Amino acid sequence: MMIAALRFARSGVQYFMENQSFRTPIVIYAGLPSKFYLVSTVSDASDFLFDNWAPNDSLQWVDAMNRCAKAGAGEASVEGARSAFLVAVKAAGIRVDPSVPLF
């Protein structure tokens, strides 16, 4: 019974995070030149940080993960999570498409 409750709680938080969209999506180029990621929600940002960042220990990475978690829980702003995510990605030398915010 407890496992079912934890799954429900986790799925609820994940659902909440997936519905927290950034005002402007972020296009990130990582890996091969033709490989890109569209990050448009708090959930996308935390997934990218967790899945695609080898060291997972820089101060910027930790700050971005914390802000995404807090935004996912409704304790911080979505745009604050987006800003921290951008700082972390740029600090890691990952290329961000600068033209997307123009649309």
PDB file of N, CA and C in Angstrom:
ATOM      1  N   MET A   1       0.819  -1.189   0.000  1.00  0.00           N
ATOM      2  CA  MET A   1       0.000   0.000   0.000  1.00  0.00           C
ATOM      3  C   MET A   1       0.868   1.261   0.000  1.00  0.00           C
ATOM      4  N   MET A   2       1.957   1.248   0.770  1.00  0.00           N
ATOM      5  CA  MET A   2       2.814   2.425   0.844  1.00  0.00           C
ATOM      6  C   MET A   2       3.492   2.689  -0.506  1.00  0.00           C
ATOM      7  N   ILE A   3       3.904   1.619  -1.208  1.00  0.00           N
ATOM      8  CA  ILE A   3       4.530   1.780  -2.513  1.00  0.00           C
ATOM      9  C   ILE A   3       3.556   2.431  -3.490  1.00  0.00           C
ATOM     10  N   ALA A   4       2.307   2.008  -3.456  1.00  0.00           N
ATOM     11  CA  ALA A   4       1.301   2.606  -4.337  1.00  0.00           C
ATOM     12  C   ALA A   4       1.121   4.084  -4.020  1.00  0.00           C
ATOM     13  N   ALA A   5       1.147   4.437  -2.739  1.00  0.00           N
ATOM     14  CA  ALA A   5       1.001   5.837  -2.340  1.00  0.00           C
ATOM     15  C   ALA A   5       2.197   6.661  -2.812  1.00  0.00           C
ATOM     16  N   LEU A   6       3.415   6.103  -2.713  1.00  0.00           N
ATOM     17  CA  LEU A   6       4.600   6.806  -3.176  1.00  0.00           C
ATOM     18  C   LEU A   6       4.572   7.007  -4.687  1.00  0.00           C
ATOM     19  N   ARG A   7       4.142   5.969  -5.416  1.00  0.00           N
ATOM     20  CA  ARG A   7       4.033   6.105  -6.871  1.00  0.00           C
ATOM     21  C   ARG A   7       3.034   7.191  -7.231  1.00  0.00           C
ATOM     22  N   PHE A   8       1.905   7.224  -6.535  1.00  0.00           N
ATOM     23  CA  PHE A   8       0.897   8.244  -6.804  1.00  0.00           C
ATOM     24  C   PHE A   8       1.449   9.632  -6.509  1.00  0.00           C
ATOM     25  N   ALA A   9       2.137   9.767  -5.380  1.00  0.00           N
ATOM     26  CA  ALA A   9       2.698  11.066  -5.004  1.00  0.00           C
ATOM     27  C   ALA A   9       3.755  11.502  -6.013  1.00  0.00           C
ATOM     28  N   ARG A  10       4.610  10.584  -6.415  1.00  0.00           N
ATOM     29  CA  ARG A  10       5.655  10.920  -7.392  1.00  0.00           C
ATOM     30  C   ARG A  10       5.038  11.280  -8.734  1.00  0.00           C
ATOM     31  N   SER A  11       4.047  10.523  -9.161  1.00  0.00           N
ATOM     32  CA  SER A  11       3.423  10.832 -10.450  1.00  0.00           C
ATOM     33  C   SER A  11       2.708  12.177 -10.384  1.00  0.00           C
ATOM     34  N   GLY A  12       2.161  12.525  -9.231  1.00  0.00           N
ATOM     35  CA  GLY A  12       1.512  13.822  -9.075  1.00  0.00           C
ATOM     36  C   GLY A  12       2.500  14.958  -9.184  1.00  0.00           C
ATOM     37  N   VAL A  13       3.681  14.816  -8.569  1.00  0.00           N
ATOM     38  CA  VAL A  13       4.715  15.846  -8.652  1.00  0.00           C
ATOM     39  C   VAL A  13       5.223  15.936 -10.084  1.00  0.00           C
ATOM     40  N   GLN A  14       5.430  14.786 -10.726  1.00  0.00           N
ATOM     41  CA  GLN A  14       5.904  14.790 -12.104  1.00  0.00           C
ATOM     42  C   GLN A  14       4.874  15.465 -13.002  1.00  0.00           C
ATOM     43  N   TYR A  15       3.610  15.168 -12.825  1.00  0.00           N
ATOM     44  CA  TYR A  15       2.552  15.796 -13.609  1.00  0.00           C
ATOM     45  C   TYR A  15       2.560  17.307 -13.391  1.00  0.00           C
ATOM     46  N   PHE A  16       2.727  17.709 -12.135  1.00  0.00           N
ATOM     47  CA  PHE A  16       2.755  19.134 -11.806  1.00  0.00           C
ATOM     48  C   PHE A  16       3.936  19.810 -12.502  1.00  0.00           C
ATOM     49  N   MET A  17       5.118  19.172 -12.452  1.00  0.00           N
ATOM     50  CA  MET A  17       6.307  19.737 -13.079  1.00  0.00           C
ATOM     51  C   MET A  17       6.148  19.821 -14.589  1.00  0.00           C
ATOM     52  N   GLU A  18       5.539  18.811 -15.206  1.00  0.00           N
ATOM     53  CA  GLU A  18       5.377  18.798 -16.651  1.00  0.00           C
ATOM     54  C   GLU A  18       4.439  19.900 -17.119  1.00  0.00           C
ATOM     55  N   ASN A  19       3.573  20.356 -16.260  1.00  0.00           N
ATOM     56  CA  ASN A  19       2.635  21.395 -16.634  1.00  0.00           C
ATOM     57  C   ASN A  19       3.128  22.794 -16.275  1.00  0.00           C
ATOM     58  N   GLN A  20       4.372  22.897 -15.851  1.00  0.00           N
ATOM     59  CA  GLN A  20       4.962  24.189 -15.540  1.00  0.00           C
ATOM     60  C   GLN A  20       5.864  24.592 -16.698  1.00  0.00           C
ATOM     61  N   SER A  21       5.275  25.220 -17.688  1.00  0.00           N
ATOM     62  CA  SER A  21       5.993  25.571 -18.909  1.00  0.00           C
ATOM     63  C   SER A  21       6.763  26.873 -18.768  1.00  0.00           C
ATOM     64  N   PHE A  22       7.913  26.908 -19.435  1.00  0.00           N
ATOM     65  CA  PHE A  22       8.676  28.144 -19.523  1.00  0.00           C
ATOM     66  C   PHE A  22       7.958  29.079 -20.499  1.00  0.00           C
ATOM     67  N   ARG A  23       8.043  30.350 -20.247  1.00  0.00           N
ATOM     68  CA  ARG A  23       7.447  31.331 -21.144  1.00  0.00           C
ATOM     69  C   ARG A  23       8.061  31.208 -22.538  1.00  0.00           C
ATOM     70  N   THR A  24       9.385  31.004 -22.585  1.00  0.00           N
ATOM     71  CA  THR A  24      10.104  30.806 -23.839  1.00  0.00           C
ATOM     72  C   THR A  24      10.897  29.510 -23.735  1.00  0.00           C
ATOM     73  N   PRO A  25      10.661  28.555 -24.633  1.00  0.00           N
ATOM     74  CA  PRO A  25      11.441  27.304 -24.607  1.00  0.00           C
ATOM     75  C   PRO A  25      12.917  27.574 -24.891  1.00  0.00           C
ATOM     76  N   ILE A  26      13.755  26.625 -24.535  1.00  0.00           N
ATOM     77  CA  ILE A  26      15.191  26.729 -24.728  1.00  0.00           C
ATOM     78  C   ILE A  26      15.627  25.601 -25.655  1.00  0.00           C
ATOM     79  N   VAL A  27      16.396  25.933 -26.682  1.00  0.00           N
ATOM     80  CA  VAL A  27      16.969  24.918 -27.564  1.00  0.00           C
ATOM     81  C   VAL A  27      18.441  24.783 -27.199  1.00  0.00           C
ATOM     82  N   ILE A  28      18.843  23.545 -26.904  1.00  0.00           N
ATOM     83  CA  ILE A  28      20.204  23.261 -26.479  1.00  0.00           C
ATOM     84  C   ILE A  28      20.824  22.285 -27.466  1.00  0.00           C
ATOM     85  N   TYR A  29      22.055  22.579 -27.881  1.00  0.00           N
ATOM     86  CA  TYR A  29      22.802  21.679 -28.743  1.00  0.00           C
ATOM     87  C   TYR A  29      23.832  20.965 -27.880  1.00  0.00           C
ATOM     88  N   ALA A  30      23.725  19.653 -27.811  1.00  0.00           N
ATOM     89  CA  ALA A  30      24.647  18.867 -26.985  1.00  0.00           C
ATOM     90  C   ALA A  30      25.039  17.617 -27.763  1.00  0.00           C
ATOM     91  N   GLY A  31      26.291  17.261 -27.672  1.00  0.00           N
ATOM     92  CA  GLY A  31      26.748  16.080 -28.396  1.00  0.00           C
ATOM     93  C   GLY A  31      27.058  16.423 -29.836  1.00  0.00           C
ATOM     94  N   LEU A  32      26.567  15.617 -30.725  1.00  0.00           N
ATOM     95  CA  LEU A  32      26.800  15.835 -32.156  1.00  0.00           C
ATOM     96  C   LEU A  32      26.163  17.143 -32.592  1.00  0.00           C
ATOM     97  N   PRO A  33      26.688  17.757 -33.641  1.00  0.00           N
ATOM     98  CA  PRO A  33      26.121  19.033 -34.091  1.00  0.00           C
ATOM     99  C   PRO A  33      24.633  18.975 -34.411  1.00  0.00           C
ATOM    100  N   SER A  34      24.160  17.820 -34.828  1.00  0.00           N
ATOM    101  CA  SER A  34      22.747  17.726 -35.195  1.00  0.00           C
ATOM    102  C   SER A  34      21.847  17.311 -34.035  1.00  0.00           C
ATOM    103  N   LYS A  35      22.418  17.087 -32.867  1.00  0.00           N
ATOM    104  CA  LYS A  35      21.614  16.660 -31.720  1.00  0.00           C
ATOM    105  C   LYS A  35      21.210  17.872 -30.897  1.00  0.00           C
ATOM    106  N   PHE A  36      19.905  18.045 -30.732  1.00  0.00           N
ATOM    107  CA  PHE A  36      19.439  19.170 -29.938  1.00  0.00           C
ATOM    108  C   PHE A  36      18.311  18.718 -29.014  1.00  0.00           C
ATOM    109  N   TYR A  37      18.070  19.526 -27.997  1.00  0.00           N
ATOM    110  CA  TYR A  37      17.010  19.278 -27.027  1.00  0.00           C
ATOM    111  C   TYR A  37      16.140  20.519 -26.938  1.00  0.00           C
ATOM    112  N   LEU A  38      14.853  20.318 -26.904  1.00  0.00           N
ATOM    113  CA  LEU A  38      13.922  21.413 -26.661  1.00  0.00           C
ATOM    114  C   LEU A  38      13.486  21.302 -25.209  1.00  0.00           C
ATOM    115  N   VAL A  39      13.830  22.292 -24.422  1.00  0.00           N
ATOM    116  CA  VAL A  39      13.511  22.315 -23.002  1.00  0.00           C
ATOM    117  C   VAL A  39      12.430  23.368 -22.806  1.00  0.00           C
ATOM    118  N   SER A  40      11.218  22.906 -22.501  1.00  0.00           N
ATOM    119  CA  SER A  40      10.104  23.852 -22.406  1.00  0.00           C
ATOM    120  C   SER A  40       9.373  23.810 -21.071  1.00  0.00           C
ATOM    121  N   THR A  41       9.762  22.891 -20.184  1.00  0.00           N
ATOM    122  CA  THR A  41       9.119  22.793 -18.876  1.00  0.00           C
ATOM    123  C   THR A  41      10.169  22.595 -17.787  1.00  0.00           C
ATOM    124  N   VAL A  42       9.753  22.756 -16.553  1.00  0.00           N
ATOM    125  CA  VAL A  42      10.626  22.485 -15.402  1.00  0.00           C
ATOM    126  C   VAL A  42      11.063  21.022 -15.421  1.00  0.00           C
ATOM    127  N   SER A  43      10.159  20.138 -15.770  1.00  0.00           N
ATOM    128  CA  SER A  43      10.479  18.712 -15.847  1.00  0.00           C
ATOM    129  C   SER A  43      11.536  18.440 -16.915  1.00  0.00           C
ATOM    130  N   ASP A  44      11.409  19.072 -18.087  1.00  0.00           N
ATOM    131  CA  ASP A  44      12.412  18.922 -19.147  1.00  0.00           C
ATOM    132  C   ASP A  44      13.783  19.373 -18.657  1.00  0.00           C
ATOM    133  N   ALA A  45      13.823  20.489 -17.960  1.00  0.00           N
ATOM    134  CA  ALA A  45      15.096  21.040 -17.471  1.00  0.00           C
ATOM    135  C   ALA A  45      15.743  20.096 -16.466  1.00  0.00           C
ATOM    136  N   SER A  46      14.973  19.617 -15.492  1.00  0.00           N
ATOM    137  CA  SER A  46      15.572  18.724 -14.494  1.00  0.00           C
ATOM    138  C   SER A  46      15.984  17.392 -15.118  1.00  0.00           C
ATOM    139  N   ASP A  47      15.200  16.905 -16.087  1.00  0.00           N
ATOM    140  CA  ASP A  47      15.576  15.669 -16.786  1.00  0.00           C
ATOM    141  C   ASP A  47      16.879  15.858 -17.556  1.00  0.00           C
ATOM    142  N   PHE A  48      17.013  16.984 -18.253  1.00  0.00           N
ATOM    143  CA  PHE A  48      18.245  17.249 -18.999  1.00  0.00           C
ATOM    144  C   PHE A  48      19.438  17.308 -18.054  1.00  0.00           C
ATOM    145  N   LEU A  49      19.291  18.029 -16.965  1.00  0.00           N
ATOM    146  CA  LEU A  49      20.391  18.153 -16.005  1.00  0.00           C
ATOM    147  C   LEU A  49      20.792  16.799 -15.447  1.00  0.00           C
ATOM    148  N   PHE A  50      19.824  15.976 -15.140  1.00  0.00           N
ATOM    149  CA  PHE A  50      20.107  14.680 -14.525  1.00  0.00           C
ATOM    150  C   PHE A  50      20.658  13.677 -15.538  1.00  0.00           C
ATOM    151  N   ASP A  51      20.090  13.649 -16.733  1.00  0.00           N
ATOM    152  CA  ASP A  51      20.427  12.614 -17.709  1.00  0.00           C
ATOM    153  C   ASP A  51      21.620  12.934 -18.603  1.00  0.00           C
ATOM    154  N   ASN A  52      21.906  14.196 -18.834  1.00  0.00           N
ATOM    155  CA  ASN A  52      22.892  14.557 -19.847  1.00  0.00           C
ATOM    156  C   ASN A  52      24.104  15.301 -19.318  1.00  0.00           C
ATOM    157  N   TRP A  53      24.297  15.291 -18.035  1.00  0.00           N
ATOM    158  CA  TRP A  53      25.397  16.044 -17.457  1.00  0.00           C
ATOM    159  C   TRP A  53      26.251  15.100 -16.641  1.00  0.00           C
ATOM    160  N   ALA A  54      27.398  14.738 -17.183  1.00  0.00           N
ATOM    161  CA  ALA A  54      28.235  13.698 -16.568  1.00  0.00           C
ATOM    162  C   ALA A  54      28.668  13.983 -15.128  1.00  0.00           C
ATOM    163  N   PRO A  55      29.329  15.103 -14.823  1.00  0.00           N
ATOM    164  CA  PRO A  55      29.845  15.278 -13.464  1.00  0.00           C
ATOM    165  C   PRO A  55      28.772  15.493 -12.393  1.00  0.00           C
ATOM    166  N   ASN A  56      27.690  16.177 -12.738  1.00  0.00           N
ATOM    167  CA  ASN A  56      26.585  16.407 -11.797  1.00  0.00           C
ATOM    168  C   ASN A  56      27.018  16.966 -10.449  1.00  0.00           C
ATOM    169  N   ASP A  57      28.011  17.836 -10.439  1.00  0.00           N
ATOM    170  CA  ASP A  57      28.454  18.316  -9.129  1.00  0.00           C
ATOM    171  C   ASP A  57      28.849  19.790  -9.085  1.00  0.00           C
ATOM    172  N   SER A  58      28.697  20.517 -10.179  1.00  0.00           N
ATOM    173  CA  SER A  58      29.078  21.932 -10.127  1.00  0.00           C
ATOM    174  C   SER A  58      28.058  22.702  -9.289  1.00  0.00           C
ATOM    175  N   LEU A  59      28.476  23.846  -8.799  1.00  0.00           N
ATOM    176  CA  LEU A  59      27.568  24.680  -8.006  1.00  0.00           C
ATOM    177  C   LEU A  59      26.359  25.111  -8.833  1.00  0.00           C
ATOM    178  N   GLN A  60      26.599  25.417 -10.109  1.00  0.00           N
ATOM    179  CA  GLN A  60      25.500  25.831 -10.979  1.00  0.00           C
ATOM    180  C   GLN A  60      24.506  24.687 -11.203  1.00  0.00           C
ATOM    181  N   TRP A  61      25.029  23.463 -11.373  1.00  0.00           N
ATOM    182  CA  TRP A  61      24.167  22.290 -11.561  1.00  0.00           C
ATOM    183  C   TRP A  61      23.301  22.071 -10.317  1.00  0.00           C
ATOM    184  N   VAL A  62      23.923  22.127  -9.150  1.00  0.00           N
ATOM    185  CA  VAL A  62      23.191  21.920  -7.895  1.00  0.00           C
ATOM    186  C   VAL A  62      22.128  22.999  -7.711  1.00  0.00           C
ATOM    187  N   ASP A  63      22.489  24.256  -7.989  1.00  0.00           N
ATOM    188  CA  ASP A  63      21.526  25.351  -7.870  1.00  0.00           C
ATOM    189  C   ASP A  63      20.348  25.150  -8.821  1.00  0.00           C
ATOM    190  N   ALA A  64      20.640  24.784 -10.069  1.00  0.00           N
ATOM    191  CA  ALA A  64      19.569  24.571 -11.050  1.00  0.00           C
ATOM    192  C   ALA A  64      18.669  23.407 -10.639  1.00  0.00           C
ATOM    193  N   MET A  65      19.257  22.323 -10.165  1.00  0.00           N
ATOM    194  CA  MET A  65      18.441  21.178  -9.720  1.00  0.00           C
ATOM    195  C   MET A  65      17.558  21.581  -8.537  1.00  0.00           C
ATOM    196  N   ASN A  66      18.129  22.327  -7.593  1.00  0.00           N
ATOM    197  CA  ASN A  66      17.345  22.770  -6.432  1.00  0.00           C
ATOM    198  C   ASN A  66      16.199  23.685  -6.855  1.00  0.00           C
ATOM    199  N   ARG A  67      16.471  24.608  -7.752  1.00  0.00           N
ATOM    200  CA  ARG A  67      15.412  25.518  -8.197  1.00  0.00           C
ATOM    201  C   ARG A  67      14.335  24.796  -8.988  1.00  0.00           C
ATOM    202  N   CYS A  68      14.734  23.815  -9.795  1.00  0.00           N
ATOM    203  CA  CYS A  68      13.740  23.017 -10.528  1.00  0.00           C
ATOM    204  C   CYS A  68      12.872  22.233  -9.553  1.00  0.00           C
ATOM    205  N   ALA A  69      13.498  21.647  -8.548  1.00  0.00           N
ATOM    206  CA  ALA A  69      12.735  20.883  -7.550  1.00  0.00           C
ATOM    207  C   ALA A  69      11.758  21.794  -6.809  1.00  0.00           C
ATOM    208  N   LYS A  70      12.223  22.971  -6.413  1.00  0.00           N
ATOM    209  CA  LYS A  70      11.345  23.903  -5.695  1.00  0.00           C
ATOM    210  C   LYS A  70      10.225  24.418  -6.592  1.00  0.00           C
ATOM    211  N   ALA A  71      10.537  24.701  -7.847  1.00  0.00           N
ATOM    212  CA  ALA A  71       9.487  25.134  -8.777  1.00  0.00           C
ATOM    213  C   ALA A  71       8.495  24.006  -9.010  1.00  0.00           C
ATOM    214  N   GLY A  72       8.995  22.789  -9.084  1.00  0.00           N
ATOM    215  CA  GLY A  72       8.123  21.625  -9.262  1.00  0.00           C
ATOM    216  C   GLY A  72       7.194  21.410  -8.094  1.00  0.00           C
ATOM    217  N   ALA A  73       7.640  21.817  -6.917  1.00  0.00           N
ATOM    218  CA  ALA A  73       6.811  21.678  -5.718  1.00  0.00           C
ATOM    219  C   ALA A  73       5.942  22.913  -5.490  1.00  0.00           C
ATOM    220  N   GLY A  74       6.051  23.900  -6.367  1.00  0.00           N
ATOM    221  CA  GLY A  74       5.266  25.117  -6.219  1.00  0.00           C
ATOM    222  C   GLY A  74       5.831  26.092  -5.209  1.00  0.00           C
ATOM    223  N   GLU A  75       7.104  25.906  -4.823  1.00  0.00           N
ATOM    224  CA  GLU A  75       7.730  26.750  -3.805  1.00  0.00           C
ATOM    225  C   GLU A  75       8.625  27.838  -4.401  1.00  0.00           C
ATOM    226  N   ALA A  76       8.784  27.834  -5.711  1.00  0.00           N
ATOM    227  CA  ALA A  76       9.618  28.836  -6.370  1.00  0.00           C
ATOM    228  C   ALA A  76       9.055  29.081  -7.767  1.00  0.00           C
ATOM    229  N   SER A  77       9.529  30.124  -8.402  1.00  0.00           N
ATOM    230  CA  SER A  77       8.990  30.470  -9.718  1.00  0.00           C
ATOM    231  C   SER A  77       9.569  29.586 -10.822  1.00  0.00           C
ATOM    232  N   VAL A  78       8.768  29.377 -11.838  1.00  0.00           N
ATOM    233  CA  VAL A  78       9.187  28.622 -13.012  1.00  0.00           C
ATOM    234  C   VAL A  78      10.293  29.377 -13.742  1.00  0.00           C
ATOM    235  N   GLU A  79      10.162  30.689 -13.867  1.00  0.00           N
ATOM    236  CA  GLU A  79      11.169  31.471 -14.574  1.00  0.00           C
ATOM    237  C   GLU A  79      12.491  31.525 -13.801  1.00  0.00           C
ATOM    238  N   GLY A  80      12.435  31.437 -12.467  1.00  0.00           N
ATOM    239  CA  GLY A  80      13.663  31.340 -11.678  1.00  0.00           C
ATOM    240  C   GLY A  80      14.387  30.032 -11.951  1.00  0.00           C
ATOM    241  N   ALA A  81      13.631  28.953 -12.100  1.00  0.00           N
ATOM    242  CA  ALA A  81      14.211  27.660 -12.456  1.00  0.00           C
ATOM    243  C   ALA A  81      14.820  27.719 -13.846  1.00  0.00           C
ATOM    244  N   ARG A  82      14.119  28.379 -14.776  1.00  0.00           N
ATOM    245  CA  ARG A  82      14.624  28.530 -16.150  1.00  0.00           C
ATOM    246  C   ARG A  82      15.936  29.305 -16.151  1.00  0.00           C
ATOM    247  N   SER A  83      16.001  30.393 -15.389  1.00  0.00           N
ATOM    248  CA  SER A  83      17.218  31.207 -15.323  1.00  0.00           C
ATOM    249  C   SER A  83      18.392  30.415 -14.762  1.00  0.00           C
ATOM    250  N   ALA A  84      18.160  29.680 -13.688  1.00  0.00           N
ATOM    251  CA  ALA A  84      19.221  28.871 -13.080  1.00  0.00           C
ATOM    252  C   ALA A  84      19.675  27.776 -14.040  1.00  0.00           C
ATOM    253  N   PHE A  85      18.725  27.207 -14.781  1.00  0.00           N
ATOM    254  CA  PHE A  85      19.055  26.191 -15.778  1.00  0.00           C
ATOM    255  C   PHE A  85      19.965  26.777 -16.854  1.00  0.00           C
ATOM    256  N   LEU A  86      19.629  27.958 -17.354  1.00  0.00           N
ATOM    257  CA  LEU A  86      20.459  28.610 -18.377  1.00  0.00           C
ATOM    258  C   LEU A  86      21.867  28.908 -17.865  1.00  0.00           C
ATOM    259  N   VAL A  87      21.977  29.370 -16.632  1.00  0.00           N
ATOM    260  CA  VAL A  87      23.293  29.649 -16.043  1.00  0.00           C
ATOM    261  C   VAL A  87      24.113  28.358 -15.982  1.00  0.00           C
ATOM    262  N   ALA A  88      23.505  27.281 -15.543  1.00  0.00           N
ATOM    263  CA  ALA A  88      24.208  26.003 -15.415  1.00  0.00           C
ATOM    264  C   ALA A  88      24.658  25.472 -16.773  1.00  0.00           C
ATOM    265  N   VAL A  89      23.777  25.545 -17.750  1.00  0.00           N
ATOM    266  CA  VAL A  89      24.098  25.033 -19.081  1.00  0.00           C
ATOM    267  C   VAL A  89      25.230  25.855 -19.713  1.00  0.00           C
ATOM    268  N   LYS A  90      25.140  27.161 -19.604  1.00  0.00           N
ATOM    269  CA  LYS A  90      26.183  28.020 -20.174  1.00  0.00           C
ATOM    270  C   LYS A  90      27.513  27.831 -19.445  1.00  0.00           C
ATOM    271  N   ALA A  91      27.476  27.643 -18.124  1.00  0.00           N
ATOM    272  CA  ALA A  91      28.702  27.418 -17.355  1.00  0.00           C
ATOM    273  C   ALA A  91      29.384  26.115 -17.761  1.00  0.00           C
ATOM    274  N   ALA A  92      28.598  25.145 -18.213  1.00  0.00           N
ATOM    275  CA  ALA A  92      29.150  23.863 -18.646  1.00  0.00           C
ATOM    276  C   ALA A  92      29.668  23.925 -20.081  1.00  0.00           C
ATOM    277  N   GLY A  93      29.482  25.075 -20.751  1.00  0.00           N
ATOM    278  CA  GLY A  93      29.950  25.213 -22.118  1.00  0.00           C
ATOM    279  C   GLY A  93      29.031  24.572 -23.140  1.00  0.00           C
ATOM    280  N   ILE A  94      27.801  24.321 -22.760  1.00  0.00           N
ATOM    281  CA  ILE A  94      26.826  23.736 -23.676  1.00  0.00           C
ATOM    282  C   ILE A  94      26.179  24.870 -24.462  1.00  0.00           C
ATOM    283  N   ARG A  95      26.061  24.674 -25.757  1.00  0.00           N
ATOM    284  CA  ARG A  95      25.553  25.736 -26.627  1.00  0.00           C
ATOM    285  C   ARG A  95      24.038  25.856 -26.564  1.00  0.00           C
ATOM    286  N   VAL A  96      23.582  27.070 -26.427  1.00  0.00           N
ATOM    287  CA  VAL A  96      22.157  27.390 -26.397  1.00  0.00           C
ATOM    288  C   VAL A  96      21.857  28.209 -27.644  1.00  0.00           C
ATOM    289  N   ASP A  97      20.735  27.923 -28.303  1.00  0.00           N
ATOM    290  CA  ASP A  97      20.357  28.676 -29.501  1.00  0.00           C
ATOM    291  C   ASP A  97      19.815  30.033 -29.080  1.00  0.00           C
ATOM    292  N   PRO A  98      20.519  31.112 -29.414  1.00  0.00           N
ATOM    293  CA  PRO A  98      20.074  32.441 -28.979  1.00  0.00           C
ATOM    294  C   PRO A  98      18.900  32.999 -29.766  1.00  0.00           C
ATOM    295  N   SER A  99      18.544  32.390 -30.881  1.00  0.00           N
ATOM    296  CA  SER A  99      17.473  32.956 -31.703  1.00  0.00           C
ATOM    297  C   SER A  99      16.087  32.600 -31.208  1.00  0.00           C
ATOM    298  N   VAL A 100      15.960  31.542 -30.442  1.00  0.00           N
ATOM    299  CA  VAL A 100      14.630  31.091 -30.014  1.00  0.00           C
ATOM    300  C   VAL A 100      13.898  32.140 -29.193  1.00  0.00           C
ATOM    301  N   PRO A 101      14.538  32.853 -28.244  1.00  0.00           N
ATOM    302  CA  PRO A 101      13.789  33.862 -27.480  1.00  0.00           C
ATOM    303  C   PRO A 101      13.189  34.986 -28.329  1.00  0.00           C
ATOM    304  N   LEU A 102      13.626  35.121 -29.583  1.00  0.00           N
ATOM    305  CA  LEU A 102      13.080  36.168 -30.430  1.00  0.00           C
ATOM    306  C   LEU A 102      11.671  35.851 -30.927  1.00  0.00           C
ATOM    307  N   PHE A 103      11.272  34.600 -30.872  1.00  0.00           N
ATOM    308  CA  PHE A 103       9.960  34.200 -31.406  1.00  0.00           C
ATOM    309  C   PHE A 103       8.894  34.249 -30.356  1.00  0.00           C
TER     310      PHE A 103
END
